[in-house]
Amino acid sequence: MNDMSQVPVAALAIGLTEFIDEFGDELLDSLNRSNPPVYAGNANEARQRVMNALKRQPFPAQTEVVQAVTALLLDRNEQAAVINAEMGTGKTMMAIAVAAVMHGAGYRRTLVVSPPHLVYKWRREILETIPDARVWVLNGPDTLVKLLKLRDQLGDPYDGRQ
C-alpha cells in the first residue's frame, strides 16, 4: 500500500506555471465540454449583412464582439450582455452595431442610458452609423412622460419586443 502521509508536503507542491503546462489542455477541453462557448467564431450571415449595411463598418475584432453579444441575446435569449473593453476600443460602435442587428431581428427600439456628457456623442454616432436612424434625446424629470407621449404620437403599441 502506498502511504502518502509520509511524503513531505513540498514534494507534493507544484507551481501554477508547471500545473498549467501539465494540465492546461485537459482543463480547457473539460471546461469547453461542460460550458460550450456561446460564440466560437462561426459568424451569423444575416447579422453580418446588417453590419455590412451600416454607414460605418466595425473593425474585424469589433464585428466578432457584435456577433458574440447578439448570439447571447438572440440565440440564448439572455436579457443582457456586457461589452467590457479598454477606452478607445470602440464600445460605442459595437453597441450601436448590436442595436442595428437587434433591429434587424425584429426588436424595434433600443434605449441608451448614458452620462449627460456623452448623450450627444451617442446621438451623433448613431446617426453617422445607422441608415435612417431615428434618435430622441430624453432628459429631465419628466422623461417618462415624454417617452409615453412619443409612443402615443407614433402610434406604436407596446408588444414586448421593444
N, C-alpha and C. Protein backbone atom coordinates (compact mmCIF):
# COMPACT_ATOMS: atom_id res chain seq x y z
N MET A 1 0.84 -1.18 0.00
CA MET A 1 0.00 0.00 0.00
C MET A 1 0.88 1.24 0.00
N ASN A 2 0.48 2.24 -0.73
CA ASN A 2 1.26 3.47 -0.86
C ASN A 2 0.80 4.46 0.21
N ASP A 3 1.63 4.80 1.14
CA ASP A 3 1.28 5.71 2.22
C ASP A 3 1.79 7.11 1.91
N MET A 4 0.87 8.00 1.46
CA MET A 4 1.24 9.37 1.09
C MET A 4 1.45 10.25 2.31
N SER A 5 1.05 9.78 3.50
CA SER A 5 1.21 10.60 4.69
C SER A 5 2.67 10.80 5.05
N GLN A 6 3.55 9.99 4.54
CA GLN A 6 4.97 10.09 4.84
C GLN A 6 5.72 10.99 3.85
N VAL A 7 5.05 11.40 2.75
CA VAL A 7 5.70 12.22 1.72
C VAL A 7 5.68 13.68 2.19
N PRO A 8 6.82 14.37 2.14
CA PRO A 8 6.84 15.79 2.54
C PRO A 8 5.90 16.62 1.65
N VAL A 9 5.25 17.60 2.26
CA VAL A 9 4.31 18.46 1.55
C VAL A 9 4.99 19.15 0.37
N ALA A 10 6.21 19.59 0.53
CA ALA A 10 6.92 20.28 -0.54
C ALA A 10 7.06 19.41 -1.78
N ALA A 11 7.16 18.11 -1.60
CA ALA A 11 7.28 17.20 -2.75
C ALA A 11 5.97 17.09 -3.51
N LEU A 12 4.86 17.39 -2.85
CA LEU A 12 3.54 17.33 -3.50
C LEU A 12 3.15 18.65 -4.14
N ALA A 13 3.87 19.71 -3.85
CA ALA A 13 3.52 21.03 -4.36
C ALA A 13 3.97 21.17 -5.81
N ILE A 14 3.20 21.93 -6.57
CA ILE A 14 3.53 22.20 -7.97
C ILE A 14 3.21 23.67 -8.23
N GLY A 15 4.07 24.35 -8.93
CA GLY A 15 3.84 25.76 -9.25
C GLY A 15 2.72 25.92 -10.27
N LEU A 16 2.10 27.09 -10.28
CA LEU A 16 0.99 27.35 -11.19
C LEU A 16 1.41 27.20 -12.65
N THR A 17 2.55 27.74 -13.01
CA THR A 17 3.02 27.64 -14.40
C THR A 17 3.19 26.18 -14.80
N GLU A 18 3.82 25.42 -13.93
CA GLU A 18 4.03 23.99 -14.21
C GLU A 18 2.69 23.25 -14.29
N PHE A 19 1.76 23.61 -13.40
CA PHE A 19 0.43 22.99 -13.39
C PHE A 19 -0.29 23.26 -14.71
N ILE A 20 -0.27 24.52 -15.16
CA ILE A 20 -0.93 24.88 -16.43
C ILE A 20 -0.25 24.17 -17.60
N ASP A 21 1.08 24.15 -17.59
CA ASP A 21 1.80 23.45 -18.66
C ASP A 21 1.41 21.97 -18.69
N GLU A 22 1.27 21.38 -17.53
CA GLU A 22 0.99 19.94 -17.43
C GLU A 22 -0.46 19.59 -17.72
N PHE A 23 -1.40 20.39 -17.18
CA PHE A 23 -2.81 20.01 -17.23
C PHE A 23 -3.70 20.99 -17.99
N GLY A 24 -3.15 22.08 -18.52
CA GLY A 24 -3.95 23.13 -19.14
C GLY A 24 -4.83 22.66 -20.28
N ASP A 25 -4.30 21.86 -21.19
CA ASP A 25 -5.09 21.40 -22.33
C ASP A 25 -6.29 20.57 -21.89
N GLU A 26 -6.07 19.67 -20.95
CA GLU A 26 -7.16 18.83 -20.45
C GLU A 26 -8.21 19.67 -19.71
N LEU A 27 -7.75 20.64 -18.93
CA LEU A 27 -8.68 21.52 -18.22
C LEU A 27 -9.53 22.32 -19.20
N LEU A 28 -8.90 22.86 -20.24
CA LEU A 28 -9.63 23.64 -21.24
C LEU A 28 -10.64 22.76 -21.97
N ASP A 29 -10.25 21.57 -22.36
CA ASP A 29 -11.18 20.64 -23.02
C ASP A 29 -12.36 20.32 -22.12
N SER A 30 -12.10 20.07 -20.86
CA SER A 30 -13.17 19.76 -19.91
C SER A 30 -14.10 20.95 -19.73
N LEU A 31 -13.53 22.13 -19.63
CA LEU A 31 -14.33 23.35 -19.48
C LEU A 31 -15.21 23.57 -20.71
N ASN A 32 -14.66 23.40 -21.90
CA ASN A 32 -15.43 23.59 -23.13
C ASN A 32 -16.53 22.54 -23.27
N ARG A 33 -16.31 21.33 -22.79
CA ARG A 33 -17.36 20.31 -22.83
C ARG A 33 -18.49 20.64 -21.86
N SER A 34 -18.15 21.09 -20.67
CA SER A 34 -19.18 21.37 -19.67
C SER A 34 -19.85 22.73 -19.87
N ASN A 35 -19.14 23.68 -20.47
CA ASN A 35 -19.68 25.02 -20.74
C ASN A 35 -19.29 25.44 -22.15
N PRO A 36 -20.00 24.94 -23.15
CA PRO A 36 -19.61 25.30 -24.52
C PRO A 36 -19.75 26.80 -24.74
N PRO A 37 -18.87 27.38 -25.53
CA PRO A 37 -18.94 28.83 -25.76
C PRO A 37 -20.22 29.20 -26.50
N VAL A 38 -20.75 30.37 -26.20
CA VAL A 38 -21.92 30.88 -26.90
C VAL A 38 -21.57 31.18 -28.35
N TYR A 39 -20.39 31.71 -28.56
CA TYR A 39 -19.94 32.06 -29.90
C TYR A 39 -18.50 31.57 -30.06
N ALA A 40 -18.29 30.77 -31.08
CA ALA A 40 -16.95 30.20 -31.29
C ALA A 40 -16.40 30.59 -32.66
N GLY A 41 -16.73 31.81 -33.10
CA GLY A 41 -16.18 32.29 -34.36
C GLY A 41 -16.99 31.95 -35.59
N ASN A 42 -18.14 31.33 -35.40
CA ASN A 42 -18.99 30.98 -36.53
C ASN A 42 -20.02 32.09 -36.76
N ALA A 43 -19.65 33.06 -37.58
CA ALA A 43 -20.45 34.26 -37.78
C ALA A 43 -21.80 33.93 -38.41
N ASN A 44 -22.83 34.61 -37.92
CA ASN A 44 -24.17 34.51 -38.48
C ASN A 44 -24.25 35.43 -39.70
N GLU A 45 -24.57 34.87 -40.86
CA GLU A 45 -24.55 35.65 -42.10
C GLU A 45 -25.57 36.78 -42.12
N ALA A 46 -26.77 36.54 -41.60
CA ALA A 46 -27.79 37.59 -41.58
C ALA A 46 -27.33 38.77 -40.72
N ARG A 47 -26.71 38.49 -39.61
CA ARG A 47 -26.21 39.56 -38.74
C ARG A 47 -25.05 40.29 -39.41
N GLN A 48 -24.23 39.54 -40.12
CA GLN A 48 -23.12 40.17 -40.84
C GLN A 48 -23.64 41.09 -41.94
N ARG A 49 -24.72 40.70 -42.61
CA ARG A 49 -25.30 41.56 -43.66
C ARG A 49 -25.79 42.88 -43.06
N VAL A 50 -26.38 42.81 -41.87
CA VAL A 50 -26.82 44.05 -41.21
C VAL A 50 -25.62 44.94 -40.94
N MET A 51 -24.54 44.37 -40.43
CA MET A 51 -23.34 45.18 -40.16
C MET A 51 -22.73 45.72 -41.45
N ASN A 52 -22.79 44.94 -42.51
CA ASN A 52 -22.24 45.41 -43.80
C ASN A 52 -23.04 46.57 -44.37
N ALA A 53 -24.31 46.70 -43.98
CA ALA A 53 -25.16 47.78 -44.48
C ALA A 53 -25.01 49.08 -43.68
N LEU A 54 -24.24 49.06 -42.60
CA LEU A 54 -24.04 50.27 -41.81
C LEU A 54 -23.21 51.28 -42.59
N LYS A 55 -23.43 52.55 -42.30
CA LYS A 55 -22.65 53.61 -42.97
C LYS A 55 -21.18 53.56 -42.57
N ARG A 56 -20.92 53.17 -41.34
CA ARG A 56 -19.54 52.97 -40.86
C ARG A 56 -19.41 51.51 -40.47
N GLN A 57 -18.36 50.87 -40.93
CA GLN A 57 -18.17 49.45 -40.68
C GLN A 57 -17.36 49.22 -39.39
N PRO A 58 -17.80 48.27 -38.56
CA PRO A 58 -16.97 47.90 -37.41
C PRO A 58 -15.68 47.22 -37.90
N PHE A 59 -14.62 47.37 -37.14
CA PHE A 59 -13.38 46.64 -37.43
C PHE A 59 -13.62 45.15 -37.20
N PRO A 60 -12.78 44.28 -37.77
CA PRO A 60 -12.99 42.83 -37.61
C PRO A 60 -13.13 42.37 -36.16
N ALA A 61 -12.30 42.86 -35.26
CA ALA A 61 -12.41 42.45 -33.85
C ALA A 61 -13.73 42.93 -33.25
N GLN A 62 -14.18 44.12 -33.63
CA GLN A 62 -15.46 44.63 -33.16
C GLN A 62 -16.61 43.78 -33.70
N THR A 63 -16.50 43.36 -34.95
CA THR A 63 -17.52 42.51 -35.56
C THR A 63 -17.66 41.20 -34.79
N GLU A 64 -16.54 40.64 -34.36
CA GLU A 64 -16.59 39.40 -33.58
C GLU A 64 -17.33 39.62 -32.26
N VAL A 65 -17.09 40.75 -31.62
CA VAL A 65 -17.79 41.06 -30.36
C VAL A 65 -19.28 41.19 -30.62
N VAL A 66 -19.65 41.89 -31.68
CA VAL A 66 -21.08 42.07 -32.01
C VAL A 66 -21.72 40.70 -32.28
N GLN A 67 -21.03 39.85 -33.03
CA GLN A 67 -21.57 38.51 -33.29
C GLN A 67 -21.75 37.74 -31.98
N ALA A 68 -20.78 37.84 -31.08
CA ALA A 68 -20.86 37.12 -29.80
C ALA A 68 -22.00 37.65 -28.93
N VAL A 69 -22.10 38.96 -28.83
CA VAL A 69 -23.15 39.56 -27.99
C VAL A 69 -24.53 39.25 -28.54
N THR A 70 -24.70 39.36 -29.86
CA THR A 70 -26.01 39.08 -30.43
C THR A 70 -26.34 37.59 -30.37
N ALA A 71 -25.34 36.73 -30.42
CA ALA A 71 -25.60 35.29 -30.22
C ALA A 71 -26.14 35.06 -28.81
N LEU A 72 -25.58 35.73 -27.84
CA LEU A 72 -26.04 35.61 -26.46
C LEU A 72 -27.47 36.12 -26.32
N LEU A 73 -27.75 37.29 -26.89
CA LEU A 73 -29.06 37.91 -26.73
C LEU A 73 -30.14 37.24 -27.57
N LEU A 74 -29.82 36.90 -28.81
CA LEU A 74 -30.84 36.36 -29.71
C LEU A 74 -30.93 34.84 -29.68
N ASP A 75 -29.80 34.16 -29.67
CA ASP A 75 -29.82 32.69 -29.72
C ASP A 75 -30.07 32.08 -28.35
N ARG A 76 -29.53 32.69 -27.32
CA ARG A 76 -29.69 32.16 -25.96
C ARG A 76 -30.80 32.88 -25.18
N ASN A 77 -31.39 33.91 -25.79
CA ASN A 77 -32.47 34.68 -25.16
C ASN A 77 -32.09 35.27 -23.81
N GLU A 78 -30.84 35.64 -23.66
CA GLU A 78 -30.42 36.31 -22.42
C GLU A 78 -30.98 37.73 -22.42
N GLN A 79 -31.20 38.26 -21.25
CA GLN A 79 -31.78 39.59 -21.10
C GLN A 79 -30.76 40.71 -21.22
N ALA A 80 -29.50 40.40 -21.06
CA ALA A 80 -28.48 41.45 -21.08
C ALA A 80 -27.14 40.84 -21.47
N ALA A 81 -26.25 41.71 -21.90
CA ALA A 81 -24.88 41.33 -22.21
C ALA A 81 -24.00 42.52 -21.86
N VAL A 82 -22.75 42.27 -21.58
CA VAL A 82 -21.82 43.33 -21.21
C VAL A 82 -20.67 43.34 -22.22
N ILE A 83 -20.39 44.53 -22.74
CA ILE A 83 -19.19 44.73 -23.56
C ILE A 83 -18.21 45.47 -22.66
N ASN A 84 -17.19 44.77 -22.21
CA ASN A 84 -16.19 45.33 -21.31
C ASN A 84 -14.87 45.41 -22.06
N ALA A 85 -14.42 46.63 -22.32
CA ALA A 85 -13.19 46.80 -23.09
C ALA A 85 -12.51 48.10 -22.68
N GLU A 86 -11.27 48.22 -23.08
CA GLU A 86 -10.48 49.41 -22.77
C GLU A 86 -11.03 50.64 -23.48
N MET A 87 -10.69 51.81 -22.96
CA MET A 87 -11.06 53.07 -23.59
C MET A 87 -10.45 53.12 -24.99
N GLY A 88 -11.25 53.55 -25.96
CA GLY A 88 -10.75 53.70 -27.32
C GLY A 88 -10.87 52.46 -28.18
N THR A 89 -11.51 51.41 -27.67
CA THR A 89 -11.64 50.19 -28.46
C THR A 89 -12.92 50.15 -29.29
N GLY A 90 -13.78 51.15 -29.14
CA GLY A 90 -14.98 51.21 -29.96
C GLY A 90 -16.20 50.58 -29.32
N LYS A 91 -16.34 50.71 -28.01
CA LYS A 91 -17.51 50.14 -27.33
C LYS A 91 -18.80 50.77 -27.83
N THR A 92 -18.78 52.08 -28.07
CA THR A 92 -19.97 52.74 -28.59
C THR A 92 -20.33 52.18 -29.95
N MET A 93 -19.36 52.05 -30.83
CA MET A 93 -19.60 51.50 -32.16
C MET A 93 -20.15 50.08 -32.07
N MET A 94 -19.57 49.26 -31.20
CA MET A 94 -20.04 47.89 -31.05
C MET A 94 -21.48 47.86 -30.53
N ALA A 95 -21.80 48.71 -29.57
CA ALA A 95 -23.15 48.74 -29.02
C ALA A 95 -24.15 49.21 -30.09
N ILE A 96 -23.76 50.17 -30.90
CA ILE A 96 -24.63 50.64 -31.98
C ILE A 96 -24.85 49.51 -32.99
N ALA A 97 -23.80 48.78 -33.32
CA ALA A 97 -23.94 47.65 -34.25
C ALA A 97 -24.83 46.56 -33.66
N VAL A 98 -24.70 46.31 -32.36
CA VAL A 98 -25.59 45.34 -31.70
C VAL A 98 -27.04 45.81 -31.83
N ALA A 99 -27.29 47.09 -31.59
CA ALA A 99 -28.65 47.63 -31.72
C ALA A 99 -29.17 47.45 -33.15
N ALA A 100 -28.32 47.69 -34.14
CA ALA A 100 -28.73 47.52 -35.54
C ALA A 100 -29.08 46.07 -35.83
N VAL A 101 -28.28 45.14 -35.34
CA VAL A 101 -28.55 43.72 -35.55
C VAL A 101 -29.85 43.32 -34.84
N MET A 102 -30.04 43.82 -33.62
CA MET A 102 -31.27 43.52 -32.89
C MET A 102 -32.48 44.07 -33.65
N HIS A 103 -32.35 45.27 -34.21
CA HIS A 103 -33.43 45.85 -35.00
C HIS A 103 -33.73 44.95 -36.20
N GLY A 104 -32.68 44.47 -36.85
CA GLY A 104 -32.85 43.56 -37.97
C GLY A 104 -33.54 42.26 -37.59
N ALA A 105 -33.45 41.90 -36.32
CA ALA A 105 -34.09 40.67 -35.82
C ALA A 105 -35.50 40.93 -35.29
N GLY A 106 -35.97 42.16 -35.42
CA GLY A 106 -37.34 42.46 -35.03
C GLY A 106 -37.52 43.29 -33.78
N TYR A 107 -36.45 43.63 -33.10
CA TYR A 107 -36.55 44.49 -31.92
C TYR A 107 -36.56 45.93 -32.40
N ARG A 108 -37.63 46.64 -32.14
CA ARG A 108 -37.84 47.94 -32.77
C ARG A 108 -37.13 49.09 -32.09
N ARG A 109 -36.83 48.97 -30.83
CA ARG A 109 -36.26 50.12 -30.12
C ARG A 109 -35.07 49.70 -29.28
N THR A 110 -34.18 50.66 -29.10
CA THR A 110 -33.04 50.48 -28.20
C THR A 110 -32.98 51.69 -27.30
N LEU A 111 -32.85 51.48 -26.03
CA LEU A 111 -32.71 52.57 -25.07
C LEU A 111 -31.26 52.65 -24.64
N VAL A 112 -30.69 53.83 -24.81
CA VAL A 112 -29.32 54.08 -24.37
C VAL A 112 -29.40 54.98 -23.15
N VAL A 113 -28.84 54.55 -22.06
CA VAL A 113 -28.75 55.37 -20.86
C VAL A 113 -27.28 55.70 -20.69
N SER A 114 -26.98 56.99 -20.69
CA SER A 114 -25.57 57.38 -20.62
C SER A 114 -25.41 58.60 -19.72
N PRO A 115 -24.18 58.85 -19.29
CA PRO A 115 -23.93 60.08 -18.52
C PRO A 115 -24.24 61.29 -19.40
N PRO A 116 -24.67 62.38 -18.78
CA PRO A 116 -25.09 63.56 -19.55
C PRO A 116 -24.04 64.05 -20.56
N HIS A 117 -22.77 63.97 -20.23
CA HIS A 117 -21.75 64.50 -21.14
C HIS A 117 -21.55 63.63 -22.38
N LEU A 118 -22.14 62.43 -22.41
CA LEU A 118 -22.00 61.55 -23.57
C LEU A 118 -23.26 61.43 -24.42
N VAL A 119 -24.35 62.04 -23.98
CA VAL A 119 -25.63 61.88 -24.67
C VAL A 119 -25.53 62.28 -26.14
N TYR A 120 -24.98 63.44 -26.40
CA TYR A 120 -24.95 63.92 -27.79
C TYR A 120 -23.88 63.21 -28.61
N LYS A 121 -22.87 62.64 -27.97
CA LYS A 121 -21.91 61.78 -28.68
C LYS A 121 -22.64 60.54 -29.18
N TRP A 122 -23.44 59.93 -28.33
CA TRP A 122 -24.22 58.77 -28.74
C TRP A 122 -25.14 59.13 -29.91
N ARG A 123 -25.84 60.23 -29.77
CA ARG A 123 -26.77 60.64 -30.83
C ARG A 123 -26.03 60.80 -32.15
N ARG A 124 -24.92 61.53 -32.12
CA ARG A 124 -24.14 61.77 -33.34
C ARG A 124 -23.65 60.46 -33.95
N GLU A 125 -23.10 59.59 -33.12
CA GLU A 125 -22.55 58.34 -33.65
C GLU A 125 -23.63 57.41 -34.19
N ILE A 126 -24.79 57.39 -33.57
CA ILE A 126 -25.90 56.58 -34.10
C ILE A 126 -26.30 57.09 -35.47
N LEU A 127 -26.48 58.41 -35.59
CA LEU A 127 -26.89 58.99 -36.87
C LEU A 127 -25.83 58.82 -37.94
N GLU A 128 -24.56 58.80 -37.55
CA GLU A 128 -23.47 58.61 -38.52
C GLU A 128 -23.26 57.15 -38.90
N THR A 129 -23.92 56.24 -38.19
CA THR A 129 -23.66 54.81 -38.40
C THR A 129 -24.85 54.06 -39.00
N ILE A 130 -26.03 54.31 -38.50
CA ILE A 130 -27.20 53.53 -38.92
C ILE A 130 -28.03 54.33 -39.92
N PRO A 131 -28.21 53.79 -41.13
CA PRO A 131 -29.03 54.48 -42.12
C PRO A 131 -30.46 54.66 -41.60
N ASP A 132 -31.01 55.84 -41.80
CA ASP A 132 -32.40 56.15 -41.45
C ASP A 132 -32.71 55.99 -39.96
N ALA A 133 -31.71 56.12 -39.11
CA ALA A 133 -31.95 56.00 -37.67
C ALA A 133 -32.76 57.19 -37.18
N ARG A 134 -33.59 56.93 -36.19
CA ARG A 134 -34.33 58.00 -35.52
C ARG A 134 -33.87 58.00 -34.06
N VAL A 135 -33.45 59.17 -33.59
CA VAL A 135 -32.89 59.27 -32.24
C VAL A 135 -33.64 60.37 -31.50
N TRP A 136 -34.08 60.06 -30.30
CA TRP A 136 -34.69 61.05 -29.43
C TRP A 136 -33.85 61.14 -28.16
N VAL A 137 -33.56 62.37 -27.76
CA VAL A 137 -32.85 62.60 -26.50
C VAL A 137 -33.90 62.99 -25.48
N LEU A 138 -34.01 62.19 -24.45
CA LEU A 138 -34.98 62.44 -23.39
C LEU A 138 -34.20 62.76 -22.13
N ASN A 139 -34.48 63.92 -21.55
CA ASN A 139 -33.69 64.38 -20.42
C ASN A 139 -34.59 65.14 -19.47
N GLY A 140 -34.35 65.00 -18.20
CA GLY A 140 -35.08 65.78 -17.21
C GLY A 140 -36.05 64.93 -16.41
N PRO A 141 -36.72 65.58 -15.45
CA PRO A 141 -37.58 64.85 -14.52
C PRO A 141 -38.84 64.29 -15.17
N ASP A 142 -39.25 64.83 -16.32
CA ASP A 142 -40.47 64.36 -16.97
C ASP A 142 -40.17 63.42 -18.15
N THR A 143 -39.04 62.75 -18.09
CA THR A 143 -38.60 61.88 -19.19
C THR A 143 -39.60 60.78 -19.49
N LEU A 144 -40.12 60.11 -18.47
CA LEU A 144 -41.06 59.02 -18.71
C LEU A 144 -42.33 59.54 -19.38
N VAL A 145 -42.81 60.70 -18.94
CA VAL A 145 -44.00 61.29 -19.56
C VAL A 145 -43.72 61.58 -21.04
N LYS A 146 -42.54 62.16 -21.34
CA LYS A 146 -42.18 62.44 -22.73
C LYS A 146 -42.13 61.16 -23.55
N LEU A 147 -41.58 60.12 -22.98
CA LEU A 147 -41.45 58.85 -23.68
C LEU A 147 -42.82 58.24 -23.98
N LEU A 148 -43.71 58.28 -23.01
CA LEU A 148 -45.06 57.75 -23.23
C LEU A 148 -45.82 58.56 -24.27
N LYS A 149 -45.67 59.89 -24.24
CA LYS A 149 -46.31 60.74 -25.25
C LYS A 149 -45.76 60.44 -26.64
N LEU A 150 -44.47 60.26 -26.72
CA LEU A 150 -43.84 59.94 -28.00
C LEU A 150 -44.37 58.62 -28.55
N ARG A 151 -44.49 57.62 -27.70
CA ARG A 151 -45.03 56.33 -28.14
C ARG A 151 -46.45 56.49 -28.65
N ASP A 152 -47.27 57.27 -27.95
CA ASP A 152 -48.65 57.51 -28.40
C ASP A 152 -48.69 58.25 -29.73
N GLN A 153 -47.83 59.26 -29.88
CA GLN A 153 -47.79 60.03 -31.13
C GLN A 153 -47.39 59.17 -32.32
N LEU A 154 -46.49 58.24 -32.08
CA LEU A 154 -46.04 57.36 -33.15
C LEU A 154 -47.04 56.25 -33.44
N GLY A 155 -48.00 56.08 -32.55
CA GLY A 155 -49.00 55.03 -32.74
C GLY A 155 -48.41 53.63 -32.63
N ASP A 156 -47.38 53.50 -31.84
CA ASP A 156 -46.72 52.21 -31.68
C ASP A 156 -47.18 51.55 -30.39
N PRO A 157 -48.04 50.56 -30.49
CA PRO A 157 -48.43 49.85 -29.27
C PRO A 157 -47.26 49.01 -28.75
N TYR A 158 -47.24 48.83 -27.48
CA TYR A 158 -46.20 48.01 -26.86
C TYR A 158 -46.51 46.55 -27.13
N ASP A 159 -45.54 45.82 -27.70
CA ASP A 159 -45.76 44.39 -27.97
C ASP A 159 -44.74 43.50 -27.29
N GLY A 160 -43.91 44.07 -26.41
CA GLY A 160 -42.95 43.28 -25.66
C GLY A 160 -41.61 43.10 -26.32
N ARG A 161 -41.48 43.38 -27.62
CA ARG A 161 -40.20 43.19 -28.33
C ARG A 161 -39.58 44.56 -28.62
N GLN A 162 -39.52 45.38 -27.61
CA GLN A 162 -39.03 46.73 -27.86
C GLN A 162 -37.94 47.09 -26.89
